[in-house]
Amino acid sequence: MMIIKNKKVRIIVIIMALLVALLIVTPVIYVQMNKNIYANRVTDYLLEEQNYSRAEIESVKGVWGIKLPAFYTIVTFKDEPYVEYVYFAHNEVLQFSYILNEEGLEEGIIESDLKHYDPFE
């Protein structure tokens, strides 16, 4: 390990290391915060505007995706564990689509069977 004897150089090295660490940590914090913000917005929408109870909701998970929009939310309801509903929460909260898991596909679930499907128009 290199020992830095000059006090000014040592301070510069420490500052540079802190800047690099900050550059690495900032995007991670940004993504995690936005995932939480979007999940909270969708949860509030489901509870306050759609009148669901917390007991009906299995999970609400913020997601950072590669495609646009970068952030969206996946909601699973307790009475439909085989469906993940996709919500966007940018300007307003909208249910965009749904994804059937393997169980739902094997059971032959179709769109008209979905209890919570409310696509935006």
PDB file of N, CA and C in Angstrom:
ATOM      1  N   MET A   1       0.834  -1.171   0.000  1.00  0.00           N
ATOM      2  CA  MET A   1       0.000   0.000   0.000  1.00  0.00           C
ATOM      3  C   MET A   1       0.882   1.239   0.000  1.00  0.00           C
ATOM      4  N   MET A   2       0.487   2.208  -0.810  1.00  0.00           N
ATOM      5  CA  MET A   2       1.275   3.428  -0.946  1.00  0.00           C
ATOM      6  C   MET A   2       0.970   4.381   0.215  1.00  0.00           C
ATOM      7  N   ILE A   3       2.028   4.895   0.828  1.00  0.00           N
ATOM      8  CA  ILE A   3       1.868   5.849   1.921  1.00  0.00           C
ATOM      9  C   ILE A   3       2.155   7.237   1.367  1.00  0.00           C
ATOM     10  N   ILE A   4       1.180   8.127   1.527  1.00  0.00           N
ATOM     11  CA  ILE A   4       1.324   9.484   1.014  1.00  0.00           C
ATOM     12  C   ILE A   4       1.811  10.371   2.154  1.00  0.00           C
ATOM     13  N   LYS A   5       3.004  10.999   1.934  1.00  0.00           N
ATOM     14  CA  LYS A   5       3.613  11.799   2.990  1.00  0.00           C
ATOM     15  C   LYS A   5       3.223  13.273   2.898  1.00  0.00           C
ATOM     16  N   ASN A   6       3.020  13.766   1.709  1.00  0.00           N
ATOM     17  CA  ASN A   6       2.666  15.170   1.533  1.00  0.00           C
ATOM     18  C   ASN A   6       1.210  15.379   1.943  1.00  0.00           C
ATOM     19  N   LYS A   7       0.987  16.320   2.869  1.00  0.00           N
ATOM     20  CA  LYS A   7      -0.350  16.543   3.421  1.00  0.00           C
ATOM     21  C   LYS A   7      -1.333  17.028   2.355  1.00  0.00           C
ATOM     22  N   LYS A   8      -0.908  17.921   1.462  1.00  0.00           N
ATOM     23  CA  LYS A   8      -1.786  18.432   0.410  1.00  0.00           C
ATOM     24  C   LYS A   8      -2.193  17.311  -0.542  1.00  0.00           C
ATOM     25  N   VAL A   9      -1.264  16.482  -0.909  1.00  0.00           N
ATOM     26  CA  VAL A   9      -1.556  15.373  -1.820  1.00  0.00           C
ATOM     27  C   VAL A   9      -2.516  14.397  -1.149  1.00  0.00           C
ATOM     28  N   ARG A  10      -2.305  14.145   0.128  1.00  0.00           N
ATOM     29  CA  ARG A  10      -3.182  13.241   0.869  1.00  0.00           C
ATOM     30  C   ARG A  10      -4.620  13.777   0.873  1.00  0.00           C
ATOM     31  N   ILE A  11      -4.781  15.069   1.115  1.00  0.00           N
ATOM     32  CA  ILE A  11      -6.115  15.675   1.127  1.00  0.00           C
ATOM     33  C   ILE A  11      -6.757  15.573  -0.258  1.00  0.00           C
ATOM     34  N   ILE A  12      -5.994  15.836  -1.297  1.00  0.00           N
ATOM     35  CA  ILE A  12      -6.516  15.738  -2.667  1.00  0.00           C
ATOM     36  C   ILE A  12      -6.941  14.309  -2.976  1.00  0.00           C
ATOM     37  N   VAL A  13      -6.158  13.336  -2.576  1.00  0.00           N
ATOM     38  CA  VAL A  13      -6.501  11.928  -2.808  1.00  0.00           C
ATOM     39  C   VAL A  13      -7.789  11.568  -2.066  1.00  0.00           C
ATOM     40  N   ILE A  14      -7.923  12.023  -0.837  1.00  0.00           N
ATOM     41  CA  ILE A  14      -9.136  11.741  -0.055  1.00  0.00           C
ATOM     42  C   ILE A  14     -10.352  12.382  -0.719  1.00  0.00           C
ATOM     43  N   ILE A  15     -10.217  13.632  -1.147  1.00  0.00           N
ATOM     44  CA  ILE A  15     -11.331  14.318  -1.811  1.00  0.00           C
ATOM     45  C   ILE A  15     -11.712  13.597  -3.100  1.00  0.00           C
ATOM     46  N   MET A  16     -10.735  13.199  -3.874  1.00  0.00           N
ATOM     47  CA  MET A  16     -11.013  12.474  -5.130  1.00  0.00           C
ATOM     48  C   MET A  16     -11.711  11.140  -4.847  1.00  0.00           C
ATOM     49  N   ALA A  17     -11.268  10.436  -3.820  1.00  0.00           N
ATOM     50  CA  ALA A  17     -11.901   9.160  -3.466  1.00  0.00           C
ATOM     51  C   ALA A  17     -13.351   9.380  -3.043  1.00  0.00           C
ATOM     52  N   LEU A  18     -13.599  10.432  -2.279  1.00  0.00           N
ATOM     53  CA  LEU A  18     -14.970  10.746  -1.864  1.00  0.00           C
ATOM     54  C   LEU A  18     -15.839  11.110  -3.065  1.00  0.00           C
ATOM     55  N   LEU A  19     -15.301  11.867  -4.007  1.00  0.00           N
ATOM     56  CA  LEU A  19     -16.055  12.222  -5.214  1.00  0.00           C
ATOM     57  C   LEU A  19     -16.399  10.985  -6.044  1.00  0.00           C
ATOM     58  N   VAL A  20     -15.445  10.087  -6.192  1.00  0.00           N
ATOM     59  CA  VAL A  20     -15.706   8.846  -6.935  1.00  0.00           C
ATOM     60  C   VAL A  20     -16.774   8.025  -6.224  1.00  0.00           C
ATOM     61  N   ALA A  21     -16.673   7.915  -4.910  1.00  0.00           N
ATOM     62  CA  ALA A  21     -17.686   7.172  -4.146  1.00  0.00           C
ATOM     63  C   ALA A  21     -19.058   7.821  -4.305  1.00  0.00           C
ATOM     64  N   LEU A  22     -19.107   9.141  -4.277  1.00  0.00           N
ATOM     65  CA  LEU A  22     -20.368   9.862  -4.449  1.00  0.00           C
ATOM     66  C   LEU A  22     -20.952   9.619  -5.839  1.00  0.00           C
ATOM     67  N   LEU A  23     -20.104   9.612  -6.849  1.00  0.00           N
ATOM     68  CA  LEU A  23     -20.567   9.348  -8.218  1.00  0.00           C
ATOM     69  C   LEU A  23     -21.117   7.934  -8.370  1.00  0.00           C
ATOM     70  N   ILE A  24     -20.597   7.013  -7.616  1.00  0.00           N
ATOM     71  CA  ILE A  24     -21.077   5.630  -7.681  1.00  0.00           C
ATOM     72  C   ILE A  24     -22.377   5.469  -6.900  1.00  0.00           C
ATOM     73  N   VAL A  25     -22.476   6.087  -5.741  1.00  0.00           N
ATOM     74  CA  VAL A  25     -23.628   5.907  -4.858  1.00  0.00           C
ATOM     75  C   VAL A  25     -24.858   6.696  -5.318  1.00  0.00           C
ATOM     76  N   THR A  26     -24.666   7.863  -5.911  1.00  0.00           N
ATOM     77  CA  THR A  26     -25.793   8.725  -6.288  1.00  0.00           C
ATOM     78  C   THR A  26     -26.804   8.038  -7.198  1.00  0.00           C
ATOM     79  N   PRO A  27     -26.397   7.380  -8.289  1.00  0.00           N
ATOM     80  CA  PRO A  27     -27.404   6.716  -9.136  1.00  0.00           C
ATOM     81  C   PRO A  27     -28.153   5.602  -8.404  1.00  0.00           C
ATOM     82  N   VAL A  28     -27.479   4.894  -7.538  1.00  0.00           N
ATOM     83  CA  VAL A  28     -28.128   3.817  -6.785  1.00  0.00           C
ATOM     84  C   VAL A  28     -29.203   4.402  -5.875  1.00  0.00           C
ATOM     85  N   ILE A  29     -28.880   5.472  -5.190  1.00  0.00           N
ATOM     86  CA  ILE A  29     -29.856   6.121  -4.309  1.00  0.00           C
ATOM     87  C   ILE A  29     -31.016   6.671  -5.130  1.00  0.00           C
ATOM     88  N   TYR A  30     -30.722   7.276  -6.281  1.00  0.00           N
ATOM     89  CA  TYR A  30     -31.759   7.829  -7.158  1.00  0.00           C
ATOM     90  C   TYR A  30     -32.748   6.743  -7.582  1.00  0.00           C
ATOM     91  N   VAL A  31     -32.242   5.611  -8.008  1.00  0.00           N
ATOM     92  CA  VAL A  31     -33.107   4.514  -8.465  1.00  0.00           C
ATOM     93  C   VAL A  31     -33.951   3.990  -7.310  1.00  0.00           C
ATOM     94  N   GLN A  32     -33.342   3.739  -6.166  1.00  0.00           N
ATOM     95  CA  GLN A  32     -34.084   3.211  -5.021  1.00  0.00           C
ATOM     96  C   GLN A  32     -35.156   4.190  -4.547  1.00  0.00           C
ATOM     97  N   MET A  33     -34.833   5.460  -4.513  1.00  0.00           N
ATOM     98  CA  MET A  33     -35.821   6.459  -4.088  1.00  0.00           C
ATOM     99  C   MET A  33     -37.000   6.503  -5.055  1.00  0.00           C
ATOM    100  N   ASN A  34     -36.721   6.492  -6.351  1.00  0.00           N
ATOM    101  CA  ASN A  34     -37.803   6.547  -7.328  1.00  0.00           C
ATOM    102  C   ASN A  34     -38.658   5.292  -7.303  1.00  0.00           C
ATOM    103  N   LYS A  35     -38.050   4.146  -7.099  1.00  0.00           N
ATOM    104  CA  LYS A  35     -38.842   2.915  -6.977  1.00  0.00           C
ATOM    105  C   LYS A  35     -39.801   3.020  -5.794  1.00  0.00           C
ATOM    106  N   ASN A  36     -39.319   3.543  -4.679  1.00  0.00           N
ATOM    107  CA  ASN A  36     -40.176   3.723  -3.495  1.00  0.00           C
ATOM    108  C   ASN A  36     -41.259   4.771  -3.731  1.00  0.00           C
ATOM    109  N   ILE A  37     -40.908   5.871  -4.384  1.00  0.00           N
ATOM    110  CA  ILE A  37     -41.885   6.926  -4.668  1.00  0.00           C
ATOM    111  C   ILE A  37     -43.009   6.385  -5.539  1.00  0.00           C
ATOM    112  N   TYR A  38     -42.665   5.652  -6.593  1.00  0.00           N
ATOM    113  CA  TYR A  38     -43.686   5.115  -7.498  1.00  0.00           C
ATOM    114  C   TYR A  38     -44.549   4.072  -6.797  1.00  0.00           C
ATOM    115  N   ALA A  39     -43.944   3.223  -6.010  1.00  0.00           N
ATOM    116  CA  ALA A  39     -44.721   2.220  -5.268  1.00  0.00           C
ATOM    117  C   ALA A  39     -45.678   2.898  -4.289  1.00  0.00           C
ATOM    118  N   ASN A  40     -45.229   3.943  -3.619  1.00  0.00           N
ATOM    119  CA  ASN A  40     -46.091   4.671  -2.679  1.00  0.00           C
ATOM    120  C   ASN A  40     -47.233   5.379  -3.393  1.00  0.00           C
ATOM    121  N   ARG A  41     -46.952   5.963  -4.561  1.00  0.00           N
ATOM    122  CA  ARG A  41     -48.015   6.642  -5.317  1.00  0.00           C
ATOM    123  C   ARG A  41     -49.089   5.651  -5.747  1.00  0.00           C
ATOM    124  N   VAL A  42     -48.672   4.478  -6.206  1.00  0.00           N
ATOM    125  CA  VAL A  42     -49.645   3.466  -6.634  1.00  0.00           C
ATOM    126  C   VAL A  42     -50.410   2.928  -5.431  1.00  0.00           C
ATOM    127  N   THR A  43     -49.730   2.693  -4.334  1.00  0.00           N
ATOM    128  CA  THR A  43     -50.412   2.219  -3.119  1.00  0.00           C
ATOM    129  C   THR A  43     -51.467   3.224  -2.674  1.00  0.00           C
ATOM    130  N   ASP A  44     -51.107   4.492  -2.633  1.00  0.00           N
ATOM    131  CA  ASP A  44     -52.079   5.527  -2.257  1.00  0.00           C
ATOM    132  C   ASP A  44     -53.262   5.544  -3.219  1.00  0.00           C
ATOM    133  N   TYR A  45     -52.989   5.415  -4.501  1.00  0.00           N
ATOM    134  CA  TYR A  45     -54.046   5.393  -5.515  1.00  0.00           C
ATOM    135  C   TYR A  45     -55.000   4.219  -5.281  1.00  0.00           C
ATOM    136  N   LEU A  46     -54.441   3.048  -5.036  1.00  0.00           N
ATOM    137  CA  LEU A  46     -55.279   1.862  -4.826  1.00  0.00           C
ATOM    138  C   LEU A  46     -56.128   1.995  -3.565  1.00  0.00           C
ATOM    139  N   LEU A  47     -55.541   2.514  -2.502  1.00  0.00           N
ATOM    140  CA  LEU A  47     -56.257   2.629  -1.231  1.00  0.00           C
ATOM    141  C   LEU A  47     -57.263   3.778  -1.225  1.00  0.00           C
ATOM    142  N   GLU A  48     -56.860   4.923  -1.748  1.00  0.00           N
ATOM    143  CA  GLU A  48     -57.689   6.119  -1.625  1.00  0.00           C
ATOM    144  C   GLU A  48     -58.660   6.322  -2.786  1.00  0.00           C
ATOM    145  N   GLU A  49     -58.212   6.040  -4.012  1.00  0.00           N
ATOM    146  CA  GLU A  49     -59.075   6.306  -5.164  1.00  0.00           C
ATOM    147  C   GLU A  49     -59.826   5.070  -5.647  1.00  0.00           C
ATOM    148  N   GLN A  50     -59.206   3.912  -5.531  1.00  0.00           N
ATOM    149  CA  GLN A  50     -59.858   2.687  -5.984  1.00  0.00           C
ATOM    150  C   GLN A  50     -60.525   1.932  -4.832  1.00  0.00           C
ATOM    151  N   ASN A  51     -60.353   2.422  -3.631  1.00  0.00           N
ATOM    152  CA  ASN A  51     -60.998   1.875  -2.425  1.00  0.00           C
ATOM    153  C   ASN A  51     -60.673   0.408  -2.128  1.00  0.00           C
ATOM    154  N   TYR A  52     -59.460  -0.005  -2.436  1.00  0.00           N
ATOM    155  CA  TYR A  52     -59.002  -1.324  -2.011  1.00  0.00           C
ATOM    156  C   TYR A  52     -58.569  -1.216  -0.557  1.00  0.00           C
ATOM    157  N   SER A  53     -58.605  -2.332   0.140  1.00  0.00           N
ATOM    158  CA  SER A  53     -58.056  -2.355   1.498  1.00  0.00           C
ATOM    159  C   SER A  53     -56.646  -2.946   1.424  1.00  0.00           C
ATOM    160  N   ARG A  54     -55.849  -2.663   2.439  1.00  0.00           N
ATOM    161  CA  ARG A  54     -54.491  -3.233   2.469  1.00  0.00           C
ATOM    162  C   ARG A  54     -54.538  -4.761   2.477  1.00  0.00           C
ATOM    163  N   ALA A  55     -55.589  -5.316   3.050  1.00  0.00           N
ATOM    164  CA  ALA A  55     -55.726  -6.771   3.131  1.00  0.00           C
ATOM    165  C   ALA A  55     -55.905  -7.406   1.755  1.00  0.00           C
ATOM    166  N   GLU A  56     -56.400  -6.657   0.785  1.00  0.00           N
ATOM    167  CA  GLU A  56     -56.617  -7.201  -0.557  1.00  0.00           C
ATOM    168  C   GLU A  56     -55.350  -7.206  -1.403  1.00  0.00           C
ATOM    169  N   ILE A  57     -54.375  -6.417  -1.008  1.00  0.00           N
ATOM    170  CA  ILE A  57     -53.162  -6.236  -1.804  1.00  0.00           C
ATOM    171  C   ILE A  57     -52.052  -7.130  -1.262  1.00  0.00           C
ATOM    172  N   GLU A  58     -51.537  -7.980  -2.129  1.00  0.00           N
ATOM    173  CA  GLU A  58     -50.431  -8.869  -1.755  1.00  0.00           C
ATOM    174  C   GLU A  58     -49.108  -8.104  -1.748  1.00  0.00           C
ATOM    175  N   SER A  59     -48.833  -7.384  -2.843  1.00  0.00           N
ATOM    176  CA  SER A  59     -47.573  -6.648  -2.916  1.00  0.00           C
ATOM    177  C   SER A  59     -47.670  -5.504  -3.914  1.00  0.00           C
ATOM    178  N   VAL A  60     -46.873  -4.478  -3.645  1.00  0.00           N
ATOM    179  CA  VAL A  60     -46.704  -3.344  -4.548  1.00  0.00           C
ATOM    180  C   VAL A  60     -45.204  -3.109  -4.621  1.00  0.00           C
ATOM    181  N   LYS A  61     -44.651  -3.251  -5.818  1.00  0.00           N
ATOM    182  CA  LYS A  61     -43.196  -3.195  -5.953  1.00  0.00           C
ATOM    183  C   LYS A  61     -42.810  -2.214  -7.054  1.00  0.00           C
ATOM    184  N   GLY A  62     -42.001  -1.222  -6.701  1.00  0.00           N
ATOM    185  CA  GLY A  62     -41.456  -0.309  -7.696  1.00  0.00           C
ATOM    186  C   GLY A  62     -40.378  -1.015  -8.494  1.00  0.00           C
ATOM    187  N   VAL A  63     -40.348  -0.729  -9.808  1.00  0.00           N
ATOM    188  CA  VAL A  63     -39.406  -1.406 -10.700  1.00  0.00           C
ATOM    189  C   VAL A  63     -38.679  -0.364 -11.543  1.00  0.00           C
ATOM    190  N   TRP A  64     -37.394  -0.587 -11.734  1.00  0.00           N
ATOM    191  CA  TRP A  64     -36.610   0.213 -12.668  1.00  0.00           C
ATOM    192  C   TRP A  64     -36.344  -0.675 -13.859  1.00  0.00           C
ATOM    193  N   GLY A  65     -36.884  -0.284 -15.008  1.00  0.00           N
ATOM    194  CA  GLY A  65     -36.746  -1.096 -16.208  1.00  0.00           C
ATOM    195  C   GLY A  65     -35.800  -0.470 -17.211  1.00  0.00           C
ATOM    196  N   ILE A  66     -35.430  -1.270 -18.185  1.00  0.00           N
ATOM    197  CA  ILE A  66     -34.545  -0.806 -19.247  1.00  0.00           C
ATOM    198  C   ILE A  66     -35.326   0.023 -20.268  1.00  0.00           C
ATOM    199  N   LYS A  67     -36.543  -0.434 -20.570  1.00  0.00           N
ATOM    200  CA  LYS A  67     -37.371   0.261 -21.553  1.00  0.00           C
ATOM    201  C   LYS A  67     -38.015   1.494 -20.927  1.00  0.00           C
ATOM    202  N   LEU A  68     -38.536   2.348 -21.791  1.00  0.00           N
ATOM    203  CA  LEU A  68     -39.276   3.512 -21.301  1.00  0.00           C
ATOM    204  C   LEU A  68     -40.696   3.119 -20.991  1.00  0.00           C
ATOM    205  N   PRO A  69     -41.322   3.627 -19.999  1.00  0.00           N
ATOM    206  CA  PRO A  69     -40.746   4.502 -18.984  1.00  0.00           C
ATOM    207  C   PRO A  69     -39.815   3.718 -18.064  1.00  0.00           C
ATOM    208  N   ALA A  70     -38.865   4.422 -17.540  1.00  0.00           N
ATOM    209  CA  ALA A  70     -37.838   3.760 -16.727  1.00  0.00           C
ATOM    210  C   ALA A  70     -38.389   3.201 -15.421  1.00  0.00           C
ATOM    211  N   PHE A  71     -39.392   3.863 -14.857  1.00  0.00           N
ATOM    212  CA  PHE A  71     -39.953   3.421 -13.582  1.00  0.00           C
ATOM    213  C   PHE A  71     -41.418   3.060 -13.749  1.00  0.00           C
ATOM    214  N   TYR A  72     -41.792   1.946 -13.167  1.00  0.00           N
ATOM    215  CA  TYR A  72     -43.190   1.529 -13.137  1.00  0.00           C
ATOM    216  C   TYR A  72     -43.389   0.688 -11.890  1.00  0.00           C
ATOM    217  N   THR A  73     -44.614   0.247 -11.670  1.00  0.00           N
ATOM    218  CA  THR A  73     -44.927  -0.488 -10.443  1.00  0.00           C
ATOM    219  C   THR A  73     -45.684  -1.757 -10.777  1.00  0.00           C
ATOM    220  N   ILE A  74     -45.342  -2.850 -10.091  1.00  0.00           N
ATOM    221  CA  ILE A  74     -46.019  -4.137 -10.246  1.00  0.00           C
ATOM    222  C   ILE A  74     -46.867  -4.376  -8.998  1.00  0.00           C
ATOM    223  N   VAL A  75     -48.156  -4.670  -9.221  1.00  0.00           N
ATOM    224  CA  VAL A  75     -49.078  -4.925  -8.113  1.00  0.00           C
ATOM    225  C   VAL A  75     -49.635  -6.332  -8.240  1.00  0.00           C
ATOM    226  N   THR A  76     -49.636  -7.061  -7.126  1.00  0.00           N
ATOM    227  CA  THR A  76     -50.258  -8.381  -7.055  1.00  0.00           C
ATOM    228  C   THR A  76     -51.329  -8.333  -5.971  1.00  0.00           C
ATOM    229  N   PHE A  77     -52.504  -8.852  -6.313  1.00  0.00           N
ATOM    230  CA  PHE A  77     -53.606  -8.907  -5.352  1.00  0.00           C
ATOM    231  C   PHE A  77     -53.692 -10.312  -4.764  1.00  0.00           C
ATOM    232  N   LYS A  78     -54.140 -10.409  -3.525  1.00  0.00           N
ATOM    233  CA  LYS A  78     -54.193 -11.701  -2.834  1.00  0.00           C
ATOM    234  C   LYS A  78     -55.126 -12.687  -3.513  1.00  0.00           C
ATOM    235  N   ASP A  79     -56.229 -12.199  -4.099  1.00  0.00           N
ATOM    236  CA  ASP A  79     -57.175 -13.117  -4.733  1.00  0.00           C
ATOM    237  C   ASP A  79     -56.800 -13.458  -6.175  1.00  0.00           C
ATOM    238  N   GLU A  80     -55.701 -12.887  -6.684  1.00  0.00           N
ATOM    239  CA  GLU A  80     -55.194 -13.207  -8.018  1.00  0.00           C
ATOM    240  C   GLU A  80     -53.665 -13.304  -7.987  1.00  0.00           C
ATOM    241  N   PRO A  81     -53.139 -14.311  -7.318  1.00  0.00           N
ATOM    242  CA  PRO A  81     -51.682 -14.399  -7.199  1.00  0.00           C
ATOM    243  C   PRO A  81     -50.980 -14.734  -8.520  1.00  0.00           C
ATOM    244  N   TYR A  82     -51.737 -15.113  -9.520  1.00  0.00           N
ATOM    245  CA  TYR A  82     -51.176 -15.503 -10.814  1.00  0.00           C
ATOM    246  C   TYR A  82     -51.095 -14.332 -11.795  1.00  0.00           C
ATOM    247  N   VAL A  83     -51.463 -13.128 -11.351  1.00  0.00           N
ATOM    248  CA  VAL A  83     -51.433 -11.953 -12.228  1.00  0.00           C
ATOM    249  C   VAL A  83     -50.625 -10.840 -11.578  1.00  0.00           C
ATOM    250  N   GLU A  84     -49.756 -10.216 -12.368  1.00  0.00           N
ATOM    251  CA  GLU A  84     -49.055  -9.010 -11.937  1.00  0.00           C
ATOM    252  C   GLU A  84     -49.584  -7.860 -12.786  1.00  0.00           C
ATOM    253  N   TYR A  85     -50.144  -6.863 -12.133  1.00  0.00           N
ATOM    254  CA  TYR A  85     -50.668  -5.698 -12.837  1.00  0.00           C
ATOM    255  C   TYR A  85     -49.588  -4.624 -12.897  1.00  0.00           C
ATOM    256  N   VAL A  86     -49.419  -4.035 -14.069  1.00  0.00           N
ATOM    257  CA  VAL A  86     -48.398  -3.015 -14.284  1.00  0.00           C
ATOM    258  C   VAL A  86     -49.055  -1.636 -14.240  1.00  0.00           C
ATOM    259  N   TYR A  87     -48.542  -0.780 -13.365  1.00  0.00           N
ATOM    260  CA  TYR A  87     -49.047   0.586 -13.221  1.00  0.00           C
ATOM    261  C   TYR A  87     -47.938   1.575 -13.543  1.00  0.00           C
ATOM    262  N   PHE A  88     -48.321   2.663 -14.220  1.00  0.00           N
ATOM    263  CA  PHE A  88     -47.434   3.805 -14.406  1.00  0.00           C
ATOM    264  C   PHE A  88     -47.902   4.887 -13.445  1.00  0.00           C
ATOM    265  N   ALA A  89     -46.974   5.618 -12.863  1.00  0.00           N
ATOM    266  CA  ALA A  89     -47.338   6.652 -11.892  1.00  0.00           C
ATOM    267  C   ALA A  89     -46.527   7.918 -12.133  1.00  0.00           C
ATOM    268  N   HIS A  90     -46.486   8.345 -13.372  1.00  0.00           N
ATOM    269  CA  HIS A  90     -45.687   9.529 -13.698  1.00  0.00           C
ATOM    270  C   HIS A  90     -46.474  10.801 -13.391  1.00  0.00           C
ATOM    271  N   ASN A  91     -47.414  11.176 -14.228  1.00  0.00           N
ATOM    272  CA  ASN A  91     -48.263  12.344 -13.934  1.00  0.00           C
ATOM    273  C   ASN A  91     -49.477  11.913 -13.137  1.00  0.00           C
ATOM    274  N   GLU A  92     -50.134  10.896 -13.615  1.00  0.00           N
ATOM    275  CA  GLU A  92     -51.260  10.307 -12.900  1.00  0.00           C
ATOM    276  C   GLU A  92     -51.039   8.803 -12.864  1.00  0.00           C
ATOM    277  N   VAL A  93     -51.717   8.121 -11.975  1.00  0.00           N
ATOM    278  CA  VAL A  93     -51.551   6.676 -11.857  1.00  0.00           C
ATOM    279  C   VAL A  93     -52.487   6.001 -12.853  1.00  0.00           C
ATOM    280  N   LEU A  94     -51.905   5.124 -13.683  1.00  0.00           N
ATOM    281  CA  LEU A  94     -52.668   4.392 -14.688  1.00  0.00           C
ATOM    282  C   LEU A  94     -52.293   2.922 -14.644  1.00  0.00           C
ATOM    283  N   GLN A  95     -53.285   2.073 -14.734  1.00  0.00           N
ATOM    284  CA  GLN A  95     -52.989   0.652 -14.906  1.00  0.00           C
ATOM    285  C   GLN A  95     -52.723   0.457 -16.391  1.00  0.00           C
ATOM    286  N   PHE A  96     -51.546  -0.028 -16.713  1.00  0.00           N
ATOM    287  CA  PHE A  96     -51.128  -0.111 -18.107  1.00  0.00           C
ATOM    288  C   PHE A  96     -51.395  -1.478 -18.716  1.00  0.00           C
ATOM    289  N   SER A  97     -51.044  -2.530 -17.990  1.00  0.00           N
ATOM    290  CA  SER A  97     -51.195  -3.878 -18.532  1.00  0.00           C
ATOM    291  C   SER A  97     -51.144  -4.888 -17.392  1.00  0.00           C
ATOM    292  N   TYR A  98     -51.066  -6.142 -17.759  1.00  0.00           N
ATOM    293  CA  TYR A  98     -50.941  -7.212 -16.776  1.00  0.00           C
ATOM    294  C   TYR A  98     -50.032  -8.289 -17.346  1.00  0.00           C
ATOM    295  N   ILE A  99     -49.494  -9.097 -16.447  1.00  0.00           N
ATOM    296  CA  ILE A  99     -48.628 -10.210 -16.830  1.00  0.00           C
ATOM    297  C   ILE A  99     -49.121 -11.438 -16.082  1.00  0.00           C
ATOM    298  N   LEU A 100     -49.421 -12.492 -16.822  1.00  0.00           N
ATOM    299  CA  LEU A 100     -49.805 -13.758 -16.188  1.00  0.00           C
ATOM    300  C   LEU A 100     -48.547 -14.557 -15.908  1.00  0.00           C
ATOM    301  N   ASN A 101     -48.442 -15.114 -14.705  1.00  0.00           N
ATOM    302  CA  ASN A 101     -47.303 -15.980 -14.427  1.00  0.00           C
ATOM    303  C   ASN A 101     -47.603 -17.382 -14.957  1.00  0.00           C
ATOM    304  N   GLU A 102     -46.700 -18.309 -14.741  1.00  0.00           N
ATOM    305  CA  GLU A 102     -46.874 -19.671 -15.263  1.00  0.00           C
ATOM    306  C   GLU A 102     -48.166 -20.317 -14.790  1.00  0.00           C
ATOM    307  N   GLU A 103     -48.483 -20.128 -13.515  1.00  0.00           N
ATOM    308  CA  GLU A 103     -49.702 -20.711 -12.950  1.00  0.00           C
ATOM    309  C   GLU A 103     -50.939 -20.192 -13.691  1.00  0.00           C
ATOM    310  N   GLY A 104     -50.978 -18.902 -13.943  1.00  0.00           N
ATOM    311  CA  GLY A 104     -52.106 -18.312 -14.658  1.00  0.00           C
ATOM    312  C   GLY A 104     -52.212 -18.817 -16.078  1.00  0.00           C
ATOM    313  N   LEU A 105     -51.068 -18.979 -16.733  1.00  0.00           N
ATOM    314  CA  LEU A 105     -51.069 -19.502 -18.101  1.00  0.00           C
ATOM    315  C   LEU A 105     -51.532 -20.951 -18.131  1.00  0.00           C
ATOM    316  N   GLU A 106     -51.060 -21.750 -17.172  1.00  0.00           N
ATOM    317  CA  GLU A 106     -51.449 -23.162 -17.113  1.00  0.00           C
ATOM    318  C   GLU A 106     -52.938 -23.324 -16.825  1.00  0.00           C
ATOM    319  N   GLU A 107     -53.502 -22.427 -16.014  1.00  0.00           N
ATOM    320  CA  GLU A 107     -54.925 -22.496 -15.691  1.00  0.00           C
ATOM    321  C   GLU A 107     -55.796 -21.960 -16.823  1.00  0.00           C
ATOM    322  N   GLY A 108     -55.168 -21.381 -17.838  1.00  0.00           N
ATOM    323  CA  GLY A 108     -55.921 -20.856 -18.970  1.00  0.00           C
ATOM    324  C   GLY A 108     -56.662 -19.567 -18.663  1.00  0.00           C
ATOM    325  N   ILE A 109     -56.118 -18.773 -17.759  1.00  0.00           N
ATOM    326  CA  ILE A 109     -56.743 -17.499 -17.401  1.00  0.00           C
ATOM    327  C   ILE A 109     -56.723 -16.581 -18.626  1.00  0.00           C
ATOM    328  N   ILE A 110     -57.861 -15.958 -18.902  1.00  0.00           N
ATOM    329  CA  ILE A 110     -57.945 -14.993 -19.995  1.00  0.00           C
ATOM    330  C   ILE A 110     -58.331 -13.627 -19.427  1.00  0.00           C
ATOM    331  N   GLU A 111     -58.220 -12.617 -20.258  1.00  0.00           N
ATOM    332  CA  GLU A 111     -58.443 -11.244 -19.800  1.00  0.00           C
ATOM    333  C   GLU A 111     -59.795 -11.051 -19.117  1.00  0.00           C
ATOM    334  N   SER A 112     -60.830 -11.685 -19.635  1.00  0.00           N
ATOM    335  CA  SER A 112     -62.164 -11.503 -19.046  1.00  0.00           C
ATOM    336  C   SER A 112     -62.283 -12.138 -17.656  1.00  0.00           C
ATOM    337  N   ASP A 113     -61.347 -13.018 -17.289  1.00  0.00           N
ATOM    338  CA  ASP A 113     -61.347 -13.637 -15.957  1.00  0.00           C
ATOM    339  C   ASP A 113     -60.720 -12.733 -14.889  1.00  0.00           C
ATOM    340  N   LEU A 114     -60.003 -11.719 -15.310  1.00  0.00           N
ATOM    341  CA  LEU A 114     -59.254 -10.881 -14.373  1.00  0.00           C
ATOM    342  C   LEU A 114     -60.183  -9.978 -13.570  1.00  0.00           C
ATOM    343  N   LYS A 115     -60.022 -10.009 -12.264  1.00  0.00           N
ATOM    344  CA  LYS A 115     -60.904  -9.266 -11.358  1.00  0.00           C
ATOM    345  C   LYS A 115     -60.498  -7.799 -11.209  1.00  0.00           C
ATOM    346  N   HIS A 116     -59.226  -7.511 -11.387  1.00  0.00           N
ATOM    347  CA  HIS A 116     -58.728  -6.170 -11.105  1.00  0.00           C
ATOM    348  C   HIS A 116     -58.214  -5.450 -12.347  1.00  0.00           C
ATOM    349  N   TYR A 117     -58.519  -5.979 -13.521  1.00  0.00           N
ATOM    350  CA  TYR A 117     -58.029  -5.364 -14.753  1.00  0.00           C
ATOM    351  C   TYR A 117     -58.872  -4.146 -15.099  1.00  0.00           C
ATOM    352  N   ASP A 118     -58.232  -2.989 -15.140  1.00  0.00           N
ATOM    353  CA  ASP A 118     -58.907  -1.726 -15.437  1.00  0.00           C
ATOM    354  C   ASP A 118     -57.966  -0.886 -16.301  1.00  0.00           C
ATOM    355  N   PRO A 119     -57.868  -1.221 -17.595  1.00  0.00           N
ATOM    356  CA  PRO A 119     -56.890  -0.529 -18.447  1.00  0.00           C
ATOM    357  C   PRO A 119     -57.261   0.937 -18.658  1.00  0.00           C
ATOM    358  N   PHE A 120     -56.229   1.737 -18.874  1.00  0.00           N
ATOM    359  CA  PHE A 120     -56.490   3.153 -19.155  1.00  0.00           C
ATOM    360  C   PHE A 120     -57.035   3.282 -20.571  1.00  0.00           C
ATOM    361  N   GLU A 121     -57.773   4.340 -20.798  1.00  0.00           N
ATOM    362  CA  GLU A 121     -58.343   4.570 -22.135  1.00  0.00           C
ATOM    363  C   GLU A 121     -57.941   5.912 -22.657  1.00  0.00           C
TER     364      GLU A 121
END
